[in-house]
């Protein structure tokens, strides 16, 4: 509590002075998933090198601990994630929405036919879950058609799933912008519209009140918001 009070008092006093971000040393501990890192991390780093060259950006992986506590204790400064409940004191700002698409190797046989729920379950699937789950919204959507898919492999991150997909006939579902970024990076993949209805995913940024008036963190939030407003499709 004392640490929080000192940080907030320092930030409020700093508002009245001239803060030269180009000379400011700061470290941002950001918990984020591949949806954000794979699309925007490089762009964020480029801007930071120009506007806050003495700052360090540290992305930490999503973990199984309670996100509220990680923010409250200061283990992380900032959290970018799919929308979820947070403590009432937390500040939450929507960034962008995404939807899931099917991802396969560029020469996958499924691309030569009309893709239906039935054809989708004829192939093995790769699942992405940091907790090792092999059941999710896609399975629930298929179940409404009386179908079930075979999840042959579960990996913790989308990036590892893309690497595992290479030279296989498996199917992977990923956020549309991330699949686009992977294709732009040169991966030999193709995407297709999933033949079942899935809800869009809202991505948000969340921070603790201790960072509300901190000039460096204000810059970080503002820059992230500006980057994500230029949606990649």
C-alpha atoms as a PDB file:
ATOM      1  CA  UNK A   1       0.000   0.000   0.000  1.00  0.00           C
ATOM      2  CA  UNK A   2       2.852   2.396   0.834  1.00  0.00           C
ATOM      3  CA  UNK A   3       4.555   1.597  -2.464  1.00  0.00           C
ATOM      4  CA  UNK A   4       1.325   2.311  -4.354  1.00  0.00           C
ATOM      5  CA  UNK A   5       0.828   5.612  -2.509  1.00  0.00           C
ATOM      6  CA  UNK A   6       4.375   6.767  -3.272  1.00  0.00           C
ATOM      7  CA  UNK A   7       4.067   5.828  -6.936  1.00  0.00           C
ATOM      8  CA  UNK A   8       0.759   7.642  -7.312  1.00  0.00           C
ATOM      9  CA  UNK A   9       2.046  10.750  -5.493  1.00  0.00           C
ATOM     10  CA  UNK A  10       5.147  10.832  -7.681  1.00  0.00           C
ATOM     11  CA  UNK A  11       3.037  10.467 -10.817  1.00  0.00           C
ATOM     12  CA  UNK A  12       0.681  13.300  -9.799  1.00  0.00           C
ATOM     13  CA  UNK A  13       3.615  15.626  -9.073  1.00  0.00           C
ATOM     14  CA  UNK A  14       5.214  14.687 -12.386  1.00  0.00           C
ATOM     15  CA  UNK A  15       2.115  15.859 -14.261  1.00  0.00           C
ATOM     16  CA  UNK A  16       2.890  19.470 -13.376  1.00  0.00           C
ATOM     17  CA  UNK A  17       6.491  19.304 -14.603  1.00  0.00           C
ATOM     18  CA  UNK A  18       8.053  18.742 -17.988  1.00  0.00           C
ATOM     19  CA  UNK A  19       8.813  15.053 -18.511  1.00  0.00           C
ATOM     20  CA  UNK A  20      11.199  14.300 -21.362  1.00  0.00           C
ATOM     21  CA  UNK A  21      10.219  10.769 -22.337  1.00  0.00           C
ATOM     22  CA  UNK A  22      13.287  10.511 -24.555  1.00  0.00           C
ATOM     23  CA  UNK A  23      15.496  10.645 -21.438  1.00  0.00           C
ATOM     24  CA  UNK A  24      13.264   8.627 -19.132  1.00  0.00           C
ATOM     25  CA  UNK A  25      14.384   5.189 -17.994  1.00  0.00           C
ATOM     26  CA  UNK A  26      11.435   2.838 -17.544  1.00  0.00           C
ATOM     27  CA  UNK A  27      10.627  -0.841 -17.633  1.00  0.00           C
ATOM     28  CA  UNK A  28       7.204  -2.057 -18.732  1.00  0.00           C
ATOM     29  CA  UNK A  29       6.248  -5.556 -17.582  1.00  0.00           C
ATOM     30  CA  UNK A  30       3.370  -6.484 -19.867  1.00  0.00           C
ATOM     31  CA  UNK A  31       1.448  -9.740 -19.731  1.00  0.00           C
ATOM     32  CA  UNK A  32       0.067 -10.442 -23.181  1.00  0.00           C
ATOM     33  CA  UNK A  33      -0.742 -13.323 -25.489  1.00  0.00           C
ATOM     34  CA  UNK A  34       0.372 -14.006 -29.051  1.00  0.00           C
ATOM     35  CA  UNK A  35      -2.676 -12.231 -30.463  1.00  0.00           C
ATOM     36  CA  UNK A  36      -1.120  -8.917 -29.448  1.00  0.00           C
ATOM     37  CA  UNK A  37       2.575  -9.817 -29.494  1.00  0.00           C
ATOM     38  CA  UNK A  38       2.484 -11.451 -32.915  1.00  0.00           C
ATOM     39  CA  UNK A  39       0.766  -8.465 -34.516  1.00  0.00           C
ATOM     40  CA  UNK A  40       1.873  -5.352 -32.674  1.00  0.00           C
ATOM     41  CA  UNK A  41       5.002  -5.988 -30.556  1.00  0.00           C
ATOM     42  CA  UNK A  42       7.461  -5.110 -33.331  1.00  0.00           C
ATOM     43  CA  UNK A  43       5.614  -1.900 -34.188  1.00  0.00           C
ATOM     44  CA  UNK A  44       5.429  -0.923 -30.519  1.00  0.00           C
ATOM     45  CA  UNK A  45       9.162  -1.504 -30.105  1.00  0.00           C
ATOM     46  CA  UNK A  46       9.960   0.640 -33.162  1.00  0.00           C
ATOM     47  CA  UNK A  47       7.967   3.554 -31.758  1.00  0.00           C
ATOM     48  CA  UNK A  48       9.496   3.109 -28.317  1.00  0.00           C
ATOM     49  CA  UNK A  49      13.043   3.256 -29.738  1.00  0.00           C
ATOM     50  CA  UNK A  50      12.246   6.703 -31.128  1.00  0.00           C
ATOM     51  CA  UNK A  51      10.082   8.182 -28.382  1.00  0.00           C
ATOM     52  CA  UNK A  52      11.370   6.385 -25.239  1.00  0.00           C
ATOM     53  CA  UNK A  53      14.791   4.970 -26.210  1.00  0.00           C
ATOM     54  CA  UNK A  54      15.840   4.259 -22.603  1.00  0.00           C
ATOM     55  CA  UNK A  55      12.757   2.189 -21.842  1.00  0.00           C
ATOM     56  CA  UNK A  56      12.646  -1.612 -21.740  1.00  0.00           C
ATOM     57  CA  UNK A  57       9.647  -3.620 -22.866  1.00  0.00           C
ATOM     58  CA  UNK A  58       9.312  -7.010 -21.163  1.00  0.00           C
ATOM     59  CA  UNK A  59       6.514  -9.316 -22.312  1.00  0.00           C
ATOM     60  CA  UNK A  60       5.683 -12.028 -19.813  1.00  0.00           C
ATOM     61  CA  UNK A  61       3.589 -15.097 -20.692  1.00  0.00           C
ATOM     62  CA  UNK A  62       0.045 -15.628 -19.537  1.00  0.00           C
ATOM     63  CA  UNK A  63       0.100 -17.726 -16.382  1.00  0.00           C
ATOM     64  CA  UNK A  64      -2.346 -19.596 -14.213  1.00  0.00           C
ATOM     65  CA  UNK A  65      -2.210 -17.155 -11.302  1.00  0.00           C
ATOM     66  CA  UNK A  66      -4.996 -14.652 -10.752  1.00  0.00           C
ATOM     67  CA  UNK A  67      -4.500 -11.709 -13.103  1.00  0.00           C
ATOM     68  CA  UNK A  68      -5.959  -9.259 -10.582  1.00  0.00           C
ATOM     69  CA  UNK A  69      -3.337 -10.203  -8.008  1.00  0.00           C
ATOM     70  CA  UNK A  70      -0.477  -9.945 -10.491  1.00  0.00           C
ATOM     71  CA  UNK A  71      -1.576  -6.368 -11.246  1.00  0.00           C
ATOM     72  CA  UNK A  72      -2.217  -5.477  -7.596  1.00  0.00           C
ATOM     73  CA  UNK A  73       1.154  -6.734  -6.368  1.00  0.00           C
ATOM     74  CA  UNK A  74       3.041  -5.081  -9.217  1.00  0.00           C
ATOM     75  CA  UNK A  75       4.349  -8.334 -10.681  1.00  0.00           C
ATOM     76  CA  UNK A  76       3.004  -7.002 -13.965  1.00  0.00           C
ATOM     77  CA  UNK A  77       2.241  -3.403 -14.918  1.00  0.00           C
ATOM     78  CA  UNK A  78      -0.098  -3.956 -17.821  1.00  0.00           C
ATOM     79  CA  UNK A  79      -2.289  -6.758 -19.123  1.00  0.00           C
ATOM     80  CA  UNK A  80      -3.494  -7.244 -22.698  1.00  0.00           C
ATOM     81  CA  UNK A  81      -5.946 -10.089 -23.104  1.00  0.00           C
ATOM     82  CA  UNK A  82      -9.294 -11.309 -24.277  1.00  0.00           C
ATOM     83  CA  UNK A  83     -11.994  -9.528 -22.285  1.00  0.00           C
ATOM     84  CA  UNK A  84     -12.563 -11.060 -18.848  1.00  0.00           C
ATOM     85  CA  UNK A  85     -13.750  -9.953 -15.376  1.00  0.00           C
ATOM     86  CA  UNK A  86     -11.324  -7.846 -13.346  1.00  0.00           C
ATOM     87  CA  UNK A  87     -11.389  -6.217  -9.944  1.00  0.00           C
ATOM     88  CA  UNK A  88     -13.607  -3.135  -9.692  1.00  0.00           C
ATOM     89  CA  UNK A  89     -10.627  -0.859  -9.119  1.00  0.00           C
ATOM     90  CA  UNK A  90      -8.882  -1.857 -12.351  1.00  0.00           C
ATOM     91  CA  UNK A  91      -8.958   0.347 -15.432  1.00  0.00           C
ATOM     92  CA  UNK A  92     -10.020  -1.581 -18.556  1.00  0.00           C
ATOM     93  CA  UNK A  93      -9.995  -0.197 -22.102  1.00  0.00           C
ATOM     94  CA  UNK A  94     -11.242  -2.022 -25.222  1.00  0.00           C
ATOM     95  CA  UNK A  95      -8.682  -2.251 -28.028  1.00  0.00           C
ATOM     96  CA  UNK A  96     -10.039  -4.307 -30.917  1.00  0.00           C
ATOM     97  CA  UNK A  97     -12.207  -7.275 -31.798  1.00  0.00           C
ATOM     98  CA  UNK A  98     -11.138 -10.342 -33.713  1.00  0.00           C
ATOM     99  CA  UNK A  99     -12.730 -13.545 -34.972  1.00  0.00           C
ATOM    100  CA  UNK A 100     -11.418 -17.040 -35.511  1.00  0.00           C
ATOM    101  CA  UNK A 101     -10.509 -18.478 -38.901  1.00  0.00           C
ATOM    102  CA  UNK A 102      -9.320 -21.894 -40.032  1.00  0.00           C
ATOM    103  CA  UNK A 103      -5.617 -22.241 -40.809  1.00  0.00           C
ATOM    104  CA  UNK A 104      -4.052 -25.075 -42.829  1.00  0.00           C
ATOM    105  CA  UNK A 105      -1.021 -25.738 -44.989  1.00  0.00           C
ATOM    106  CA  UNK A 106      -1.242 -23.970 -48.344  1.00  0.00           C
ATOM    107  CA  UNK A 107      -1.858 -27.257 -50.206  1.00  0.00           C
ATOM    108  CA  UNK A 108      -4.270 -28.883 -47.752  1.00  0.00           C
ATOM    109  CA  UNK A 109      -6.894 -31.053 -49.528  1.00  0.00           C
ATOM    110  CA  UNK A 110      -9.753 -29.398 -47.631  1.00  0.00           C
ATOM    111  CA  UNK A 111      -9.216 -26.243 -49.696  1.00  0.00           C
ATOM    112  CA  UNK A 112     -10.302 -28.062 -52.860  1.00  0.00           C
ATOM    113  CA  UNK A 113     -13.854 -28.647 -51.573  1.00  0.00           C
ATOM    114  CA  UNK A 114     -16.723 -26.775 -50.001  1.00  0.00           C
ATOM    115  CA  UNK A 115     -15.826 -26.549 -46.348  1.00  0.00           C
ATOM    116  CA  UNK A 116     -18.684 -27.703 -44.135  1.00  0.00           C
ATOM    117  CA  UNK A 117     -18.910 -28.705 -40.469  1.00  0.00           C
ATOM    118  CA  UNK A 118     -18.750 -32.349 -41.593  1.00  0.00           C
ATOM    119  CA  UNK A 119     -15.601 -31.845 -43.668  1.00  0.00           C
ATOM    120  CA  UNK A 120     -13.998 -29.907 -40.811  1.00  0.00           C
ATOM    121  CA  UNK A 121     -14.128 -32.912 -38.470  1.00  0.00           C
ATOM    122  CA  UNK A 122     -12.652 -35.349 -40.991  1.00  0.00           C
ATOM    123  CA  UNK A 123      -9.189 -33.986 -40.226  1.00  0.00           C
ATOM    124  CA  UNK A 124      -7.148 -33.862 -37.046  1.00  0.00           C
ATOM    125  CA  UNK A 125      -6.912 -30.563 -35.224  1.00  0.00           C
ATOM    126  CA  UNK A 126      -4.301 -28.664 -33.227  1.00  0.00           C
ATOM    127  CA  UNK A 127      -5.629 -26.915 -30.125  1.00  0.00           C
ATOM    128  CA  UNK A 128      -4.154 -23.897 -28.363  1.00  0.00           C
ATOM    129  CA  UNK A 129      -4.505 -23.678 -24.584  1.00  0.00           C
ATOM    130  CA  UNK A 130      -2.059 -22.503 -21.960  1.00  0.00           C
ATOM    131  CA  UNK A 131      -3.888 -24.781 -19.482  1.00  0.00           C
ATOM    132  CA  UNK A 132      -3.855 -27.848 -21.738  1.00  0.00           C
ATOM    133  CA  UNK A 133      -7.580 -27.855 -22.499  1.00  0.00           C
ATOM    134  CA  UNK A 134      -8.684 -29.684 -25.639  1.00  0.00           C
ATOM    135  CA  UNK A 135     -12.262 -28.384 -25.663  1.00  0.00           C
ATOM    136  CA  UNK A 136     -13.429 -24.877 -26.472  1.00  0.00           C
ATOM    137  CA  UNK A 137     -15.936 -22.703 -28.363  1.00  0.00           C
ATOM    138  CA  UNK A 138     -15.274 -24.470 -31.681  1.00  0.00           C
ATOM    139  CA  UNK A 139     -16.173 -27.823 -30.115  1.00  0.00           C
ATOM    140  CA  UNK A 140     -19.373 -26.365 -28.693  1.00  0.00           C
ATOM    141  CA  UNK A 141     -20.314 -24.977 -32.120  1.00  0.00           C
ATOM    142  CA  UNK A 142     -19.653 -28.347 -33.774  1.00  0.00           C
ATOM    143  CA  UNK A 143     -21.678 -30.120 -31.097  1.00  0.00           C
ATOM    144  CA  UNK A 144     -24.701 -28.066 -32.139  1.00  0.00           C
ATOM    145  CA  UNK A 145     -24.362 -29.829 -35.512  1.00  0.00           C
ATOM    146  CA  UNK A 146     -24.043 -33.210 -33.794  1.00  0.00           C
ATOM    147  CA  UNK A 147     -20.333 -33.382 -34.618  1.00  0.00           C
ATOM    148  CA  UNK A 148     -17.063 -33.693 -32.712  1.00  0.00           C
ATOM    149  CA  UNK A 149     -13.510 -33.052 -33.878  1.00  0.00           C
ATOM    150  CA  UNK A 150     -10.357 -34.952 -32.956  1.00  0.00           C
ATOM    151  CA  UNK A 151      -7.823 -32.692 -31.225  1.00  0.00           C
ATOM    152  CA  UNK A 152      -4.599 -34.606 -31.755  1.00  0.00           C
ATOM    153  CA  UNK A 153      -2.230 -32.015 -30.297  1.00  0.00           C
ATOM    154  CA  UNK A 154      -2.561 -29.241 -27.706  1.00  0.00           C
ATOM    155  CA  UNK A 155       0.129 -26.560 -27.431  1.00  0.00           C
ATOM    156  CA  UNK A 156       0.322 -23.515 -25.117  1.00  0.00           C
ATOM    157  CA  UNK A 157       0.678 -20.692 -27.671  1.00  0.00           C
ATOM    158  CA  UNK A 158      -0.475 -19.840 -31.205  1.00  0.00           C
ATOM    159  CA  UNK A 159       3.126 -19.436 -32.367  1.00  0.00           C
ATOM    160  CA  UNK A 160       4.010 -22.989 -31.334  1.00  0.00           C
ATOM    161  CA  UNK A 161       0.812 -24.199 -33.003  1.00  0.00           C
ATOM    162  CA  UNK A 162       1.849 -22.566 -36.286  1.00  0.00           C
ATOM    163  CA  UNK A 163       5.242 -24.264 -36.122  1.00  0.00           C
ATOM    164  CA  UNK A 164       3.611 -27.629 -35.360  1.00  0.00           C
ATOM    165  CA  UNK A 165       1.224 -27.169 -38.279  1.00  0.00           C
ATOM    166  CA  UNK A 166       4.083 -27.038 -40.786  1.00  0.00           C
ATOM    167  CA  UNK A 167       4.006 -29.858 -43.380  1.00  0.00           C
ATOM    168  CA  UNK A 168       0.995 -31.584 -41.787  1.00  0.00           C
ATOM    169  CA  UNK A 169      -2.660 -32.050 -42.724  1.00  0.00           C
ATOM    170  CA  UNK A 170      -3.913 -30.790 -39.381  1.00  0.00           C
ATOM    171  CA  UNK A 171      -6.316 -27.873 -38.979  1.00  0.00           C
ATOM    172  CA  UNK A 172      -5.741 -24.961 -36.617  1.00  0.00           C
ATOM    173  CA  UNK A 173      -8.105 -22.140 -35.653  1.00  0.00           C
ATOM    174  CA  UNK A 174      -6.546 -18.743 -34.925  1.00  0.00           C
ATOM    175  CA  UNK A 175      -7.600 -15.108 -34.612  1.00  0.00           C
ATOM    176  CA  UNK A 176      -7.909 -13.683 -38.111  1.00  0.00           C
ATOM    177  CA  UNK A 177      -5.347 -10.874 -37.668  1.00  0.00           C
ATOM    178  CA  UNK A 178      -2.747 -13.250 -36.260  1.00  0.00           C
ATOM    179  CA  UNK A 179      -3.217 -15.703 -39.134  1.00  0.00           C
ATOM    180  CA  UNK A 180      -2.817 -12.800 -41.560  1.00  0.00           C
ATOM    181  CA  UNK A 181       0.404 -11.703 -39.820  1.00  0.00           C
ATOM    182  CA  UNK A 182       1.774 -15.259 -40.027  1.00  0.00           C
ATOM    183  CA  UNK A 183       1.046 -15.362 -43.753  1.00  0.00           C
ATOM    184  CA  UNK A 184       2.712 -11.979 -44.206  1.00  0.00           C
ATOM    185  CA  UNK A 185       5.763 -13.312 -42.371  1.00  0.00           C
ATOM    186  CA  UNK A 186       6.159 -15.966 -45.070  1.00  0.00           C
ATOM    187  CA  UNK A 187       4.573 -19.061 -43.534  1.00  0.00           C
ATOM    188  CA  UNK A 188       3.200 -21.383 -46.225  1.00  0.00           C
ATOM    189  CA  UNK A 189      -0.358 -21.421 -44.926  1.00  0.00           C
ATOM    190  CA  UNK A 190      -3.875 -20.664 -46.124  1.00  0.00           C
ATOM    191  CA  UNK A 191      -6.899 -19.477 -44.197  1.00  0.00           C
ATOM    192  CA  UNK A 192     -10.603 -20.122 -44.594  1.00  0.00           C
ATOM    193  CA  UNK A 193     -13.844 -19.039 -42.995  1.00  0.00           C
ATOM    194  CA  UNK A 194     -14.973 -21.497 -40.361  1.00  0.00           C
ATOM    195  CA  UNK A 195     -18.316 -23.103 -41.321  1.00  0.00           C
ATOM    196  CA  UNK A 196     -19.772 -22.606 -37.831  1.00  0.00           C
ATOM    197  CA  UNK A 197     -20.810 -19.489 -35.940  1.00  0.00           C
ATOM    198  CA  UNK A 198     -18.358 -18.286 -33.273  1.00  0.00           C
ATOM    199  CA  UNK A 199     -18.575 -15.117 -31.198  1.00  0.00           C
ATOM    200  CA  UNK A 200     -16.071 -12.348 -31.818  1.00  0.00           C
ATOM    201  CA  UNK A 201     -13.275 -11.917 -29.258  1.00  0.00           C
ATOM    202  CA  UNK A 202     -12.770  -8.497 -27.655  1.00  0.00           C
ATOM    203  CA  UNK A 203      -9.160  -7.651 -26.753  1.00  0.00           C
ATOM    204  CA  UNK A 204      -8.637  -5.172 -23.896  1.00  0.00           C
ATOM    205  CA  UNK A 205      -5.795  -3.517 -21.989  1.00  0.00           C
ATOM    206  CA  UNK A 206      -5.960  -3.391 -18.204  1.00  0.00           C
ATOM    207  CA  UNK A 207      -3.891  -1.554 -15.593  1.00  0.00           C
ATOM    208  CA  UNK A 208      -3.861  -0.826 -11.860  1.00  0.00           C
ATOM    209  CA  UNK A 209      -4.790   2.676 -10.583  1.00  0.00           C
ATOM    210  CA  UNK A 210      -1.195   3.209  -9.426  1.00  0.00           C
ATOM    211  CA  UNK A 211      -0.231   3.741 -13.073  1.00  0.00           C
ATOM    212  CA  UNK A 212      -3.185   5.941 -14.027  1.00  0.00           C
ATOM    213  CA  UNK A 213      -1.250   9.243 -13.901  1.00  0.00           C
ATOM    214  CA  UNK A 214       2.257   7.969 -14.579  1.00  0.00           C
ATOM    215  CA  UNK A 215       3.550   9.754 -17.740  1.00  0.00           C
ATOM    216  CA  UNK A 216       5.443   6.730 -19.016  1.00  0.00           C
ATOM    217  CA  UNK A 217       2.463   4.415 -18.592  1.00  0.00           C
ATOM    218  CA  UNK A 218       0.141   6.987 -20.111  1.00  0.00           C
ATOM    219  CA  UNK A 219       2.427   6.993 -23.139  1.00  0.00           C
ATOM    220  CA  UNK A 220       2.336   3.176 -23.267  1.00  0.00           C
ATOM    221  CA  UNK A 221      -1.458   2.990 -23.119  1.00  0.00           C
ATOM    222  CA  UNK A 222      -1.891   5.770 -25.657  1.00  0.00           C
ATOM    223  CA  UNK A 223       0.583   4.183 -28.079  1.00  0.00           C
ATOM    224  CA  UNK A 224      -1.004   0.736 -27.787  1.00  0.00           C
ATOM    225  CA  UNK A 225      -4.447   2.218 -28.384  1.00  0.00           C
ATOM    226  CA  UNK A 226      -3.222   4.105 -31.470  1.00  0.00           C
ATOM    227  CA  UNK A 227      -1.536   0.996 -32.873  1.00  0.00           C
ATOM    228  CA  UNK A 228      -4.563  -1.205 -32.442  1.00  0.00           C
ATOM    229  CA  UNK A 229      -6.905   1.363 -33.974  1.00  0.00           C
ATOM    230  CA  UNK A 230      -5.131   0.621 -37.271  1.00  0.00           C
ATOM    231  CA  UNK A 231      -6.709  -2.800 -37.500  1.00  0.00           C
ATOM    232  CA  UNK A 232      -4.942  -5.413 -39.591  1.00  0.00           C
ATOM    233  CA  UNK A 233      -7.251  -7.469 -41.794  1.00  0.00           C
END
